[in-house]
Structures are given as structure tokens and as C-alpha cells.
Amino acid sequence: MLRSLGVLAAAAGDRLTAGVMPASPLQRERELEEARRLGRWETEEDRRLVREHEARLVLGKAGRTGAVGLVVVAWCVPLLWPVALVGSLRLFPRTTRRVLLSVVATGALGVVGLALLVSQVSRLALPPSAPQAPAALESARPALPPAVRPRG
């Protein structure tokens, strides 16, 4: 462990710990290979991958900022609401699903409440129906033609 620290320190330019254990070039090469094998040594490919990843993060952040601005503008224009909805789902999937679920639940509750309200109001607004005369009473009275009216 001290040997690999010595090689790493020497490679990093640390003069205080570099002289702890003098090593031959062959021994340093073995320690370097061991450090690479164990993942303690950064290669040029690793540095390149880190730079690419950082560049993607910067570009992604800039692209995300522009996309958020586009979604905000799309929500302000009613014709672009489908675009805003899809953009919101892509940028904020969990939040958009929660908001849509709450809107659907609120709408369903509103429809049920409105149906109950309409049924209650329609019951109160209708006058009570007059009791119907039995059919036997109606048939006992003689029918008069509409032109003949009794004088009173």
C-alpha cells in the first residue's frame, strides 16, 4: 500500500511522500499496473470520458433551460396546450402525472357532485303532482261534445 502511495505521490509531484520508499523503474511500472487494475489510476481515456460527460451535462442543462422556457410559453397559448402537456411530461414526469391525477380526480368528484345537486334541485322545483281520479269516476260522467255547452 505504501509503495503504491509512493508511486501515486511521485506521479502527482508530491515531494514529501515521494521519497518514502525509493523504487526501481520496473517496480514502479508493476505498481502502476496494479493501481490501474485496481482502479486507483486515472488514464487518458478516463479523463476524456469525464470531459465528455461534463460537456453533456452543460449542454443538457442549457437545453433543459430552453425546453422549460418553451413549455412555459406553450402553457400560455391555448393552441399549444398539447405541446405543453407533452413537454411537461418529458421534463417533469412524476410531477405532471401527479397533477394530472389530481385534476382527473377533482373533475370526477365535480361531475358526481353536480349530478347530485341537479337531482336534488329538480326534486324541489317540481310541484307535487295532483292525485289522479280513479278511472271508474271518469267513465261514469257522460262525455259532452265540445260544441255543446250547458248554459248556466
C-alpha atoms as a PDB file:
ATOM      1  CA  MET A   1       0.000   0.000   0.000  1.00  0.00           C
ATOM      2  CA  LEU A   2       2.809   2.408   0.876  1.00  0.00           C
ATOM      3  CA  ARG A   3       4.550   1.542  -2.355  1.00  0.00           C
ATOM      4  CA  SER A   4       1.508   2.374  -4.477  1.00  0.00           C
ATOM      5  CA  LEU A   5       1.018   5.577  -2.482  1.00  0.00           C
ATOM      6  CA  GLY A   6       4.646   6.414  -3.168  1.00  0.00           C
ATOM      7  CA  VAL A   7       4.184   5.906  -6.895  1.00  0.00           C
ATOM      8  CA  LEU A   8       0.970   7.888  -6.941  1.00  0.00           C
ATOM      9  CA  ALA A   9       2.525  10.670  -4.898  1.00  0.00           C
ATOM     10  CA  ALA A  10       5.565  10.772  -7.135  1.00  0.00           C
ATOM     11  CA  ALA A  11       3.338  10.904 -10.206  1.00  0.00           C
ATOM     12  CA  ALA A  12       1.357  13.718  -8.621  1.00  0.00           C
ATOM     13  CA  GLY A  13       4.530  15.626  -7.796  1.00  0.00           C
ATOM     14  CA  ASP A  14       4.312  15.358  -4.010  1.00  0.00           C
ATOM     15  CA  ARG A  15       7.936  15.545  -2.882  1.00  0.00           C
ATOM     16  CA  LEU A  16       7.302  14.948   0.812  1.00  0.00           C
ATOM     17  CA  THR A  17       5.849  11.476   0.406  1.00  0.00           C
ATOM     18  CA  ALA A  18       7.601  10.569  -2.819  1.00  0.00           C
ATOM     19  CA  GLY A  19      10.845   9.732  -1.089  1.00  0.00           C
ATOM     20  CA  VAL A  20       9.322   7.406   1.485  1.00  0.00           C
ATOM     21  CA  MET A  21      10.273   4.312  -0.434  1.00  0.00           C
ATOM     22  CA  PRO A  22      12.683   4.508  -3.341  1.00  0.00           C
ATOM     23  CA  ALA A  23      11.695   2.148  -6.149  1.00  0.00           C
ATOM     24  CA  SER A  24      13.248   0.936  -9.373  1.00  0.00           C
ATOM     25  CA  PRO A  25      11.595   1.786 -12.703  1.00  0.00           C
ATOM     26  CA  LEU A  26      10.481  -1.845 -13.109  1.00  0.00           C
ATOM     27  CA  GLN A  27       8.915  -1.844  -9.657  1.00  0.00           C
ATOM     28  CA  ARG A  28       7.178   1.453 -10.406  1.00  0.00           C
ATOM     29  CA  GLU A  29       5.767   0.008 -13.616  1.00  0.00           C
ATOM     30  CA  ARG A  30       4.366  -3.004 -11.712  1.00  0.00           C
ATOM     31  CA  GLU A  31       2.853  -0.724  -9.081  1.00  0.00           C
ATOM     32  CA  LEU A  32       1.393   1.483 -11.793  1.00  0.00           C
ATOM     33  CA  GLU A  33      -0.205  -1.520 -13.499  1.00  0.00           C
ATOM     34  CA  GLU A  34      -1.557  -2.725 -10.156  1.00  0.00           C
ATOM     35  CA  ALA A  35      -3.003   0.733  -9.442  1.00  0.00           C
ATOM     36  CA  ARG A  36      -4.633   0.781 -12.900  1.00  0.00           C
ATOM     37  CA  ARG A  37      -6.009  -2.715 -12.385  1.00  0.00           C
ATOM     38  CA  LEU A  38      -7.497  -1.739  -9.020  1.00  0.00           C
ATOM     39  CA  GLY A  39      -8.968   1.448 -10.438  1.00  0.00           C
ATOM     40  CA  ARG A  40      -6.762   3.843  -8.482  1.00  0.00           C
ATOM     41  CA  TRP A  41      -5.069   5.333 -11.513  1.00  0.00           C
ATOM     42  CA  GLU A  42      -6.689   7.656 -13.986  1.00  0.00           C
ATOM     43  CA  THR A  43      -5.891   7.022 -17.637  1.00  0.00           C
ATOM     44  CA  GLU A  44      -6.174   9.441 -20.539  1.00  0.00           C
ATOM     45  CA  GLU A  45      -9.339   7.643 -21.646  1.00  0.00           C
ATOM     46  CA  ASP A  46     -10.846   8.198 -18.192  1.00  0.00           C
ATOM     47  CA  ARG A  47     -10.061  11.905 -18.409  1.00  0.00           C
ATOM     48  CA  ARG A  48     -11.596  12.074 -21.888  1.00  0.00           C
ATOM     49  CA  LEU A  49     -14.759  10.333 -20.668  1.00  0.00           C
ATOM     50  CA  VAL A  50     -15.028  12.740 -17.728  1.00  0.00           C
ATOM     51  CA  ARG A  51     -14.639  15.740 -20.058  1.00  0.00           C
ATOM     52  CA  GLU A  52     -17.321  14.370 -22.414  1.00  0.00           C
ATOM     53  CA  HIS A  53     -19.653  13.722 -19.506  1.00  0.00           C
ATOM     54  CA  GLU A  54     -19.179  17.254 -18.179  1.00  0.00           C
ATOM     55  CA  ALA A  55     -19.788  18.686 -21.647  1.00  0.00           C
ATOM     56  CA  ARG A  56     -23.005  16.654 -21.956  1.00  0.00           C
ATOM     57  CA  LEU A  57     -24.141  17.923 -18.564  1.00  0.00           C
ATOM     58  CA  VAL A  58     -23.518  21.530 -19.569  1.00  0.00           C
ATOM     59  CA  LEU A  59     -25.311  21.081 -22.900  1.00  0.00           C
ATOM     60  CA  GLY A  60     -28.140  19.172 -21.239  1.00  0.00           C
ATOM     61  CA  LYS A  61     -28.592  21.886 -18.649  1.00  0.00           C
ATOM     62  CA  ALA A  62     -28.685  24.581 -21.329  1.00  0.00           C
ATOM     63  CA  GLY A  63     -31.106  22.511 -23.410  1.00  0.00           C
ATOM     64  CA  ARG A  64     -33.294  21.840 -20.398  1.00  0.00           C
ATOM     65  CA  THR A  65     -33.455  25.543 -19.579  1.00  0.00           C
ATOM     66  CA  GLY A  66     -34.596  26.296 -23.125  1.00  0.00           C
ATOM     67  CA  ALA A  67     -37.118  23.467 -23.020  1.00  0.00           C
ATOM     68  CA  VAL A  68     -38.559  24.738 -19.740  1.00  0.00           C
ATOM     69  CA  GLY A  69     -38.946  28.189 -21.284  1.00  0.00           C
ATOM     70  CA  LEU A  70     -40.689  26.697 -24.313  1.00  0.00           C
ATOM     71  CA  VAL A  71     -43.095  24.740 -22.097  1.00  0.00           C
ATOM     72  CA  VAL A  72     -43.929  27.851 -20.059  1.00  0.00           C
ATOM     73  CA  VAL A  73     -44.701  29.803 -23.237  1.00  0.00           C
ATOM     74  CA  ALA A  74     -46.735  26.872 -24.608  1.00  0.00           C
ATOM     75  CA  TRP A  75     -48.893  26.806 -21.464  1.00  0.00           C
ATOM     76  CA  CYS A  76     -49.739  30.484 -22.070  1.00  0.00           C
ATOM     77  CA  VAL A  77     -51.069  29.822 -25.595  1.00  0.00           C
ATOM     78  CA  PRO A  78     -54.179  27.598 -25.570  1.00  0.00           C
ATOM     79  CA  LEU A  79     -53.492  26.214 -29.048  1.00  0.00           C
ATOM     80  CA  LEU A  80     -50.142  24.886 -27.829  1.00  0.00           C
ATOM     81  CA  TRP A  81     -51.500  23.111 -24.746  1.00  0.00           C
ATOM     82  CA  PRO A  82     -50.901  19.629 -26.238  1.00  0.00           C
ATOM     83  CA  VAL A  83     -47.258  20.585 -26.838  1.00  0.00           C
ATOM     84  CA  ALA A  84     -47.042  21.949 -23.296  1.00  0.00           C
ATOM     85  CA  LEU A  85     -48.532  18.774 -21.856  1.00  0.00           C
ATOM     86  CA  VAL A  86     -46.106  16.510 -23.720  1.00  0.00           C
ATOM     87  CA  GLY A  87     -43.185  18.779 -22.855  1.00  0.00           C
ATOM     88  CA  SER A  88     -44.180  18.800 -19.204  1.00  0.00           C
ATOM     89  CA  LEU A  89     -44.419  15.013 -19.200  1.00  0.00           C
ATOM     90  CA  ARG A  90     -40.925  14.736 -20.671  1.00  0.00           C
ATOM     91  CA  LEU A  91     -39.312  17.349 -18.418  1.00  0.00           C
ATOM     92  CA  PHE A  92     -41.168  16.605 -15.174  1.00  0.00           C
ATOM     93  CA  PRO A  93     -42.748  13.149 -15.491  1.00  0.00           C
ATOM     94  CA  ARG A  94     -43.542  12.462 -11.833  1.00  0.00           C
ATOM     95  CA  THR A  95     -44.921  15.925 -11.083  1.00  0.00           C
ATOM     96  CA  THR A  96     -47.010  16.039 -14.256  1.00  0.00           C
ATOM     97  CA  ARG A  97     -48.538  12.632 -13.520  1.00  0.00           C
ATOM     98  CA  ARG A  98     -49.468  13.770 -10.018  1.00  0.00           C
ATOM     99  CA  VAL A  99     -51.026  16.984 -11.286  1.00  0.00           C
ATOM    100  CA  LEU A 100     -52.988  15.156 -14.000  1.00  0.00           C
ATOM    101  CA  LEU A 101     -54.211  12.580 -11.498  1.00  0.00           C
ATOM    102  CA  SER A 102     -55.412  15.300  -9.140  1.00  0.00           C
ATOM    103  CA  VAL A 103     -57.153  17.167 -11.999  1.00  0.00           C
ATOM    104  CA  VAL A 104     -58.925  13.995 -13.161  1.00  0.00           C
ATOM    105  CA  ALA A 105     -59.958  13.097  -9.590  1.00  0.00           C
ATOM    106  CA  THR A 106     -61.240  16.619  -8.957  1.00  0.00           C
ATOM    107  CA  GLY A 107     -63.163  16.583 -12.236  1.00  0.00           C
ATOM    108  CA  ALA A 108     -64.739  13.214 -11.425  1.00  0.00           C
ATOM    109  CA  LEU A 109     -65.775  14.421  -7.984  1.00  0.00           C
ATOM    110  CA  GLY A 110     -67.177  17.590  -9.539  1.00  0.00           C
ATOM    111  CA  VAL A 111     -69.271  15.639 -12.043  1.00  0.00           C
ATOM    112  CA  VAL A 112     -70.671  13.387  -9.301  1.00  0.00           C
ATOM    113  CA  GLY A 113     -71.405  16.391  -7.083  1.00  0.00           C
ATOM    114  CA  LEU A 114     -73.075  18.268  -9.939  1.00  0.00           C
ATOM    115  CA  ALA A 115     -75.254  15.259 -10.765  1.00  0.00           C
ATOM    116  CA  LEU A 116     -76.351  15.001  -7.126  1.00  0.00           C
ATOM    117  CA  LEU A 117     -77.052  18.732  -6.976  1.00  0.00           C
ATOM    118  CA  VAL A 118     -79.127  18.689 -10.160  1.00  0.00           C
ATOM    119  CA  SER A 119     -81.162  15.735  -8.955  1.00  0.00           C
ATOM    120  CA  GLN A 120     -81.898  17.446  -5.621  1.00  0.00           C
ATOM    121  CA  VAL A 121     -82.829  20.762  -7.228  1.00  0.00           C
ATOM    122  CA  SER A 122     -85.095  19.097  -9.776  1.00  0.00           C
ATOM    123  CA  ARG A 123     -86.966  17.292  -6.979  1.00  0.00           C
ATOM    124  CA  LEU A 124     -87.561  20.551  -5.101  1.00  0.00           C
ATOM    125  CA  ALA A 125     -88.526  22.578  -8.177  1.00  0.00           C
ATOM    126  CA  LEU A 126     -91.281  20.272  -9.469  1.00  0.00           C
ATOM    127  CA  PRO A 127     -94.736  20.902  -7.964  1.00  0.00           C
ATOM    128  CA  PRO A 128     -96.292  17.896  -6.311  1.00  0.00           C
ATOM    129  CA  SER A 129     -98.419  16.021  -8.774  1.00  0.00           C
ATOM    130  CA  ALA A 130    -102.220  16.148  -8.284  1.00  0.00           C
ATOM    131  CA  PRO A 131    -103.759  12.857  -7.310  1.00  0.00           C
ATOM    132  CA  GLN A 132    -105.288  11.130 -10.266  1.00  0.00           C
ATOM    133  CA  ALA A 133    -109.026  10.347 -10.164  1.00  0.00           C
ATOM    134  CA  PRO A 134    -109.807   6.713 -10.387  1.00  0.00           C
ATOM    135  CA  ALA A 135    -110.724   5.548 -13.859  1.00  0.00           C
ATOM    136  CA  ALA A 136    -114.213   4.427 -12.698  1.00  0.00           C
ATOM    137  CA  LEU A 137    -115.215   8.019 -11.825  1.00  0.00           C
ATOM    138  CA  GLU A 138    -114.091   9.356 -15.179  1.00  0.00           C
ATOM    139  CA  SER A 139    -116.078   6.757 -17.085  1.00  0.00           C
ATOM    140  CA  ALA A 140    -119.314   7.442 -15.099  1.00  0.00           C
ATOM    141  CA  ARG A 141    -119.593  11.031 -16.304  1.00  0.00           C
ATOM    142  CA  PRO A 142    -121.185  11.369 -19.769  1.00  0.00           C
ATOM    143  CA  ALA A 143    -118.967  12.857 -22.379  1.00  0.00           C
ATOM    144  CA  LEU A 144    -120.253  16.060 -23.978  1.00  0.00           C
ATOM    145  CA  PRO A 145    -119.211  17.185 -27.370  1.00  0.00           C
ATOM    146  CA  PRO A 146    -117.072  20.328 -27.299  1.00  0.00           C
ATOM    147  CA  ALA A 147    -119.648  22.362 -29.243  1.00  0.00           C
ATOM    148  CA  VAL A 148    -122.456  21.708 -26.755  1.00  0.00           C
ATOM    149  CA  ARG A 149    -122.033  23.648 -23.557  1.00  0.00           C
ATOM    150  CA  PRO A 150    -124.569  23.797 -20.804  1.00  0.00           C
ATOM    151  CA  ARG A 151    -125.999  27.255 -20.068  1.00  0.00           C
ATOM    152  CA  GLY A 152    -125.647  28.380 -16.674  1.00  0.00           C
END
